[in-house]
């Protein structure tokens, strides 16, 4: 593809998909089509976003070079199977489960990318640079605490693959040799998971959080230094990330809500994928660019399959409240 050609892009999804509309335009694409589950909703959003074509049928995406899938996780596989010969940016996670794992691995498209923005936060980049420069030393221990208090009817395993996966994606890019060790289910959304990462213990604690939103607290202990990365989301103030700490001292300035760091990180993912679609990415592998193609995403999400298998052998923690109404999204 000529790298000077303006890509024609389409978006599937009327909620978080609007972030992709803005990101695609910022990356130089012409957004020509929007698909939503309801044609009336699609028409309303298309008018507000000034998108010329819209509807509920993905056939309207036929002229698009690039398509983003910003729909519920359970729908990702179907859309990926139906969309051919296009560059695809799919929201995280893929949605790998023991039941559909082989269907995902049978997808042969090399132009499927999964959006994992956590790597593109400024604090994540600083941590990556420190580790690549050898400042951590030999990895000795990892702990990750993720607190959730969001108005969605999900099981603990669903919360894990939807939200714990954010910082996990950073660690998966930094280290190799992950092996699942075990899982312990508690009450509510309390879940303890242990991996080995390059021989070091890696403990993940998912827990119910006292205030609405998300909470992240990642600690890496090495032979030379220890690093802490923290932040989160609150519905009344948005996303923020604290200064990265090295030996308990700040080494970055942090990313306050005013910077909207999560949206910025999403935009960076979109820009990198658009560049690759135009054949204008200058060197570097998929991993070096901080991207997850289909193969890398499958490799990471396969590590979570034991959680699904363990949850199938226990009584469900809670019965989803199908009557709940939800007004905001934090994807």
Protein backbone atom coordinates (compact mmCIF):
# COMPACT_ATOMS: atom_id res chain seq x y z
CA UNK A 1 0.00 0.00 0.00
CA UNK A 2 1.23 3.50 -0.85
CA UNK A 3 2.20 5.13 2.42
CA UNK A 4 0.97 8.48 1.10
CA UNK A 5 -2.54 7.14 0.54
CA UNK A 6 -5.14 8.24 3.07
CA UNK A 7 -6.64 5.11 4.57
CA UNK A 8 -10.42 4.64 4.54
CA UNK A 9 -11.43 3.48 8.00
CA UNK A 10 -14.56 2.07 9.58
CA UNK A 11 -15.59 1.55 13.19
CA UNK A 12 -17.79 -1.14 14.74
CA UNK A 13 -19.24 -0.01 18.07
CA UNK A 14 -21.16 3.04 19.21
CA UNK A 15 -19.69 3.48 22.70
CA UNK A 16 -15.90 3.16 22.96
CA UNK A 17 -15.88 3.20 19.17
CA UNK A 18 -16.12 6.99 19.32
CA UNK A 19 -12.64 7.10 20.85
CA UNK A 20 -11.44 5.16 17.83
CA UNK A 21 -13.12 7.62 15.47
CA UNK A 22 -11.10 10.45 17.00
CA UNK A 23 -7.92 8.37 17.09
CA UNK A 24 -8.21 7.30 13.46
CA UNK A 25 -8.74 10.87 12.32
CA UNK A 26 -5.79 12.05 14.39
CA UNK A 27 -3.68 9.37 12.66
CA UNK A 28 -4.71 10.73 9.25
CA UNK A 29 -7.48 8.28 8.28
CA UNK A 30 -10.75 9.19 6.61
CA UNK A 31 -13.48 7.57 8.73
CA UNK A 32 -16.16 6.64 6.22
CA UNK A 33 -18.40 4.11 8.00
CA UNK A 34 -19.83 3.32 11.43
CA UNK A 35 -21.57 0.09 12.40
CA UNK A 36 -23.63 -0.28 15.58
CA UNK A 37 -26.01 -2.99 16.79
CA UNK A 38 -28.95 -0.62 16.26
CA UNK A 39 -29.28 1.25 12.97
CA UNK A 40 -31.02 4.22 14.62
CA UNK A 41 -28.20 4.55 17.12
CA UNK A 42 -25.67 4.25 14.30
CA UNK A 43 -27.42 7.03 12.38
CA UNK A 44 -27.45 9.34 15.41
CA UNK A 45 -23.77 8.82 16.17
CA UNK A 46 -22.77 9.10 12.51
CA UNK A 47 -24.53 12.44 12.25
CA UNK A 48 -22.81 13.73 15.39
CA UNK A 49 -19.40 12.47 14.24
CA UNK A 50 -19.93 13.48 10.59
CA UNK A 51 -19.42 9.95 9.26
CA UNK A 52 -20.98 9.53 5.79
CA UNK A 53 -22.10 5.86 5.93
CA UNK A 54 -23.66 3.97 8.81
CA UNK A 55 -25.91 1.06 9.71
CA UNK A 56 -26.08 -2.28 11.50
CA UNK A 57 -24.68 -4.41 8.65
CA UNK A 58 -20.91 -4.82 8.34
CA UNK A 59 -21.32 -4.86 4.56
CA UNK A 60 -21.02 -1.07 4.69
CA UNK A 61 -17.36 -1.59 5.64
CA UNK A 62 -16.48 -3.17 2.30
CA UNK A 63 -14.59 -0.13 1.01
CA UNK A 64 -12.61 0.38 4.22
CA UNK A 65 -8.91 -0.42 4.38
CA UNK A 66 -8.86 -0.54 8.18
CA UNK A 67 -11.63 -1.54 10.60
CA UNK A 68 -11.70 -1.18 14.37
CA UNK A 69 -13.80 -3.53 16.49
CA UNK A 70 -14.93 -1.80 19.69
CA UNK A 71 -17.71 -4.12 20.79
CA UNK A 72 -18.26 -6.45 23.79
CA UNK A 73 -15.58 -9.11 24.12
CA UNK A 74 -17.94 -12.01 23.36
CA UNK A 75 -18.54 -10.62 19.86
CA UNK A 76 -14.90 -10.28 18.81
CA UNK A 77 -14.42 -13.74 17.34
CA UNK A 78 -17.48 -13.50 15.10
CA UNK A 79 -16.40 -10.15 13.66
CA UNK A 80 -12.83 -11.36 13.11
CA UNK A 81 -14.11 -14.42 11.25
CA UNK A 82 -16.39 -12.30 9.04
CA UNK A 83 -13.94 -9.55 8.13
CA UNK A 84 -11.39 -10.52 5.49
CA UNK A 85 -8.56 -8.77 3.65
CA UNK A 86 -8.54 -5.73 5.91
CA UNK A 87 -6.29 -4.42 8.63
CA UNK A 88 -8.14 -4.96 11.91
CA UNK A 89 -7.72 -3.22 15.25
CA UNK A 90 -9.73 -5.13 17.85
CA UNK A 91 -10.32 -3.93 21.38
CA UNK A 92 -8.78 -5.98 24.17
CA UNK A 93 -9.06 -8.71 25.14
CA UNK A 94 -9.47 -11.12 22.26
CA UNK A 95 -11.77 -13.19 24.45
CA UNK A 96 -9.94 -16.52 24.40
CA UNK A 97 -11.69 -19.25 26.42
CA UNK A 98 -11.30 -23.05 26.56
CA UNK A 99 -14.34 -23.33 24.28
CA UNK A 100 -13.18 -21.01 21.49
CA UNK A 101 -9.38 -21.16 21.72
CA UNK A 102 -8.99 -23.25 18.58
CA UNK A 103 -11.25 -20.95 16.56
CA UNK A 104 -8.95 -18.04 17.43
CA UNK A 105 -5.78 -19.94 16.58
CA UNK A 106 -7.29 -20.91 13.23
CA UNK A 107 -7.57 -17.26 12.22
CA UNK A 108 -4.74 -16.90 9.73
CA UNK A 109 -4.88 -13.16 9.11
CA UNK A 110 -1.55 -11.47 9.77
CA UNK A 111 -3.10 -8.00 9.86
CA UNK A 112 -5.08 -8.38 13.09
CA UNK A 113 -3.95 -6.20 16.00
CA UNK A 114 -5.32 -6.09 19.54
CA UNK A 115 -5.42 -2.80 21.44
CA UNK A 116 -3.34 -2.98 24.64
CA UNK A 117 -2.63 0.67 25.51
CA UNK A 118 -1.03 0.15 28.96
CA UNK A 119 2.43 -0.15 27.39
CA UNK A 120 2.08 3.34 25.92
CA UNK A 121 1.56 5.20 29.18
CA UNK A 122 4.49 7.45 30.09
CA UNK A 123 5.07 5.57 33.36
CA UNK A 124 5.13 2.26 31.48
CA UNK A 125 7.65 3.61 28.98
CA UNK A 126 9.88 4.82 31.81
CA UNK A 127 9.72 1.41 33.50
CA UNK A 128 10.47 -0.33 30.20
CA UNK A 129 13.52 1.88 29.61
CA UNK A 130 14.83 1.23 33.14
CA UNK A 131 14.52 -2.55 32.76
CA UNK A 132 15.99 -2.57 29.26
CA UNK A 133 18.94 -0.57 30.63
CA UNK A 134 19.56 -3.22 33.28
CA UNK A 135 18.56 -1.00 36.21
CA UNK A 136 16.24 -3.60 37.75
CA UNK A 137 18.86 -6.32 37.77
CA UNK A 138 17.77 -9.93 38.14
CA UNK A 139 14.02 -10.21 38.62
CA UNK A 140 13.23 -11.45 42.14
CA UNK A 141 9.51 -10.75 42.75
CA UNK A 142 6.39 -9.23 41.18
CA UNK A 143 3.16 -8.28 42.93
CA UNK A 144 0.12 -6.81 41.23
CA UNK A 145 -3.01 -5.55 42.98
CA UNK A 146 -6.03 -4.65 40.86
CA UNK A 147 -9.11 -3.28 42.61
CA UNK A 148 -12.46 -3.17 40.81
CA UNK A 149 -15.70 -1.41 41.66
CA UNK A 150 -17.57 -1.03 38.39
CA UNK A 151 -21.27 -1.42 37.58
CA UNK A 152 -21.06 -4.46 35.31
CA UNK A 153 -22.28 -8.01 36.01
CA UNK A 154 -19.04 -9.95 35.58
CA UNK A 155 -17.44 -12.92 37.28
CA UNK A 156 -13.99 -12.61 38.88
CA UNK A 157 -12.41 -14.39 35.91
CA UNK A 158 -14.10 -11.97 33.52
CA UNK A 159 -12.77 -9.04 35.55
CA UNK A 160 -9.34 -10.62 35.39
CA UNK A 161 -9.23 -10.97 31.61
CA UNK A 162 -10.82 -7.55 31.08
CA UNK A 163 -8.87 -5.40 33.58
CA UNK A 164 -5.98 -7.25 35.22
CA UNK A 165 -4.83 -7.82 31.65
CA UNK A 166 -3.94 -4.10 31.34
CA UNK A 167 -0.79 -4.20 33.53
CA UNK A 168 -0.28 -7.89 32.68
CA UNK A 169 0.22 -6.87 29.04
CA UNK A 170 3.10 -4.63 30.11
CA UNK A 171 4.75 -7.46 32.04
CA UNK A 172 4.22 -9.85 29.13
CA UNK A 173 6.15 -7.40 26.96
CA UNK A 174 8.95 -7.03 29.50
CA UNK A 175 9.54 -10.65 30.48
CA UNK A 176 9.39 -14.21 29.15
CA UNK A 177 8.79 -17.64 30.64
CA UNK A 178 5.41 -17.26 32.34
CA UNK A 179 3.94 -20.38 33.91
CA UNK A 180 0.65 -20.68 35.79
CA UNK A 181 0.97 -21.99 39.37
CA UNK A 182 -2.49 -21.77 40.91
CA UNK A 183 -5.61 -19.78 41.73
CA UNK A 184 -7.63 -19.21 44.89
CA UNK A 185 -11.19 -17.87 44.79
CA UNK A 186 -12.56 -15.77 47.63
CA UNK A 187 -15.87 -14.05 48.22
CA UNK A 188 -17.15 -11.53 45.68
CA UNK A 189 -14.51 -10.44 43.20
CA UNK A 190 -11.58 -11.54 45.34
CA UNK A 191 -9.19 -13.73 43.42
CA UNK A 192 -5.53 -14.67 44.01
CA UNK A 193 -3.46 -16.00 41.10
CA UNK A 194 0.18 -17.01 41.10
CA UNK A 195 2.56 -17.38 38.17
CA UNK A 196 6.26 -17.93 37.86
CA UNK A 197 7.94 -15.30 35.67
CA UNK A 198 11.50 -16.10 34.71
CA UNK A 199 11.70 -18.17 37.90
CA UNK A 200 10.43 -15.33 40.14
CA UNK A 201 7.14 -15.52 42.03
CA UNK A 202 4.43 -13.32 40.51
CA UNK A 203 1.35 -12.80 42.68
CA UNK A 204 -1.81 -11.15 41.38
CA UNK A 205 -4.53 -10.01 43.76
CA UNK A 206 -7.88 -9.03 42.26
CA UNK A 207 -10.19 -7.53 44.85
CA UNK A 208 -13.36 -5.54 45.38
CA UNK A 209 -12.42 -1.87 45.82
CA UNK A 210 -14.22 0.41 48.31
CA UNK A 211 -14.76 3.32 45.89
CA UNK A 212 -16.13 3.21 42.31
CA UNK A 213 -13.52 2.79 39.61
CA UNK A 214 -10.32 0.86 39.01
CA UNK A 215 -7.09 0.68 41.03
CA UNK A 216 -3.67 -0.55 39.85
CA UNK A 217 -0.60 -1.14 42.02
CA UNK A 218 2.35 -2.96 40.43
CA UNK A 219 5.62 -3.67 42.26
CA UNK A 220 8.72 -5.22 40.70
CA UNK A 221 11.65 -6.19 42.90
CA UNK A 222 15.02 -6.86 41.34
CA UNK A 223 18.54 -7.44 42.55
CA UNK A 224 19.48 -3.80 41.85
CA UNK A 225 16.26 -1.84 42.36
CA UNK A 226 12.55 -1.97 43.09
CA UNK A 227 9.91 -0.14 41.07
CA UNK A 228 6.29 0.79 41.81
CA UNK A 229 3.72 1.84 39.25
CA UNK A 230 0.25 2.90 40.36
CA UNK A 231 -2.84 4.63 39.10
CA UNK A 232 -6.42 4.05 38.17
CA UNK A 233 -9.77 5.39 37.09
CA UNK A 234 -12.55 7.15 38.96
CA UNK A 235 -15.82 8.01 37.19
CA UNK A 236 -15.88 11.51 38.68
CA UNK A 237 -12.34 12.41 37.63
CA UNK A 238 -11.16 10.01 34.93
CA UNK A 239 -7.82 8.23 34.48
CA UNK A 240 -4.55 9.15 36.18
CA UNK A 241 -1.19 7.51 36.89
CA UNK A 242 1.18 8.34 39.71
CA UNK A 243 4.89 9.06 39.30
CA UNK A 244 6.92 5.89 38.77
CA UNK A 245 8.85 5.11 41.94
CA UNK A 246 12.36 3.65 42.11
CA UNK A 247 13.37 2.65 45.64
CA UNK A 248 10.30 4.63 46.81
CA UNK A 249 11.48 7.85 45.13
CA UNK A 250 9.65 9.40 42.13
CA UNK A 251 11.55 9.28 38.84
CA UNK A 252 8.72 10.59 36.60
CA UNK A 253 6.23 13.41 37.01
CA UNK A 254 3.11 11.28 36.81
CA UNK A 255 0.16 11.55 34.46
CA UNK A 256 -2.72 13.55 35.94
CA UNK A 257 -6.31 13.32 34.82
CA UNK A 258 -5.98 16.63 32.96
CA UNK A 259 -3.67 14.89 30.46
CA UNK A 260 -6.25 12.14 29.85
CA UNK A 261 -3.42 9.58 29.75
CA UNK A 262 -5.59 6.59 28.85
CA UNK A 263 -7.06 8.26 25.77
CA UNK A 264 -3.58 9.41 24.73
CA UNK A 265 -2.23 5.86 25.10
CA UNK A 266 -5.10 4.54 22.97
CA UNK A 267 -4.33 7.12 20.29
CA UNK A 268 -0.71 5.99 20.22
CA UNK A 269 -1.76 2.39 19.56
CA UNK A 270 -4.02 3.51 16.71
CA UNK A 271 -1.28 5.68 15.18
CA UNK A 272 1.23 2.81 15.19
CA UNK A 273 -1.22 0.45 13.52
CA UNK A 274 -2.17 3.02 10.89
CA UNK A 275 1.54 3.52 10.18
CA UNK A 276 2.06 -0.20 9.69
CA UNK A 277 -1.00 -0.41 7.45
CA UNK A 278 0.56 2.29 5.28
CA UNK A 279 3.90 0.46 5.23
CA UNK A 280 5.48 3.50 6.81
CA UNK A 281 6.54 1.99 10.16
CA UNK A 282 10.28 2.49 10.38
CA UNK A 283 11.85 -0.76 11.55
CA UNK A 284 11.20 -2.72 14.67
CA UNK A 285 9.22 -5.87 15.30
CA UNK A 286 5.62 -5.94 16.46
CA UNK A 287 6.84 -6.41 20.03
CA UNK A 288 9.42 -3.63 19.77
CA UNK A 289 6.67 -1.27 18.62
CA UNK A 290 4.61 -2.11 21.70
CA UNK A 291 1.88 -3.80 19.67
CA UNK A 292 0.00 -7.06 20.03
CA UNK A 293 -0.81 -8.89 16.84
CA UNK A 294 -3.11 -11.92 16.84
CA UNK A 295 -0.31 -14.36 17.64
CA UNK A 296 1.05 -12.40 20.62
CA UNK A 297 -2.42 -11.77 22.03
CA UNK A 298 -3.27 -15.47 21.79
CA UNK A 299 -0.01 -16.41 23.51
CA UNK A 300 -0.77 -14.08 26.40
CA UNK A 301 -4.44 -14.93 26.81
CA UNK A 302 -3.68 -18.67 26.75
CA UNK A 303 -2.00 -18.09 30.12
CA UNK A 304 -5.45 -17.27 31.53
CA UNK A 305 -7.17 -20.46 30.36
CA UNK A 306 -6.57 -22.27 33.69
CA UNK A 307 -8.68 -19.58 35.38
CA UNK A 308 -11.66 -20.42 33.19
CA UNK A 309 -11.13 -24.11 33.80
CA UNK A 310 -10.88 -23.62 37.59
CA UNK A 311 -14.00 -21.45 37.70
CA UNK A 312 -15.95 -24.13 35.82
CA UNK A 313 -15.40 -26.49 38.75
CA UNK A 314 -16.73 -24.23 41.44
CA UNK A 315 -20.00 -22.58 42.25
CA UNK A 316 -20.35 -19.18 40.59
CA UNK A 317 -19.39 -16.34 42.95
CA UNK A 318 -22.48 -14.37 42.14
CA UNK A 319 -25.50 -14.32 39.86
CA UNK A 320 -25.31 -11.45 37.33
CA UNK A 321 -27.97 -8.80 37.80
CA UNK A 322 -29.41 -8.58 34.32
CA UNK A 323 -31.66 -5.66 35.26
CA UNK A 324 -28.82 -3.27 36.11
CA UNK A 325 -28.42 -0.14 34.01
CA UNK A 326 -25.00 1.24 33.20
CA UNK A 327 -24.14 4.78 32.21
CA UNK A 328 -20.40 4.90 31.75
CA UNK A 329 -17.58 2.82 30.31
CA UNK A 330 -13.93 2.63 31.30
CA UNK A 331 -12.51 0.38 28.60
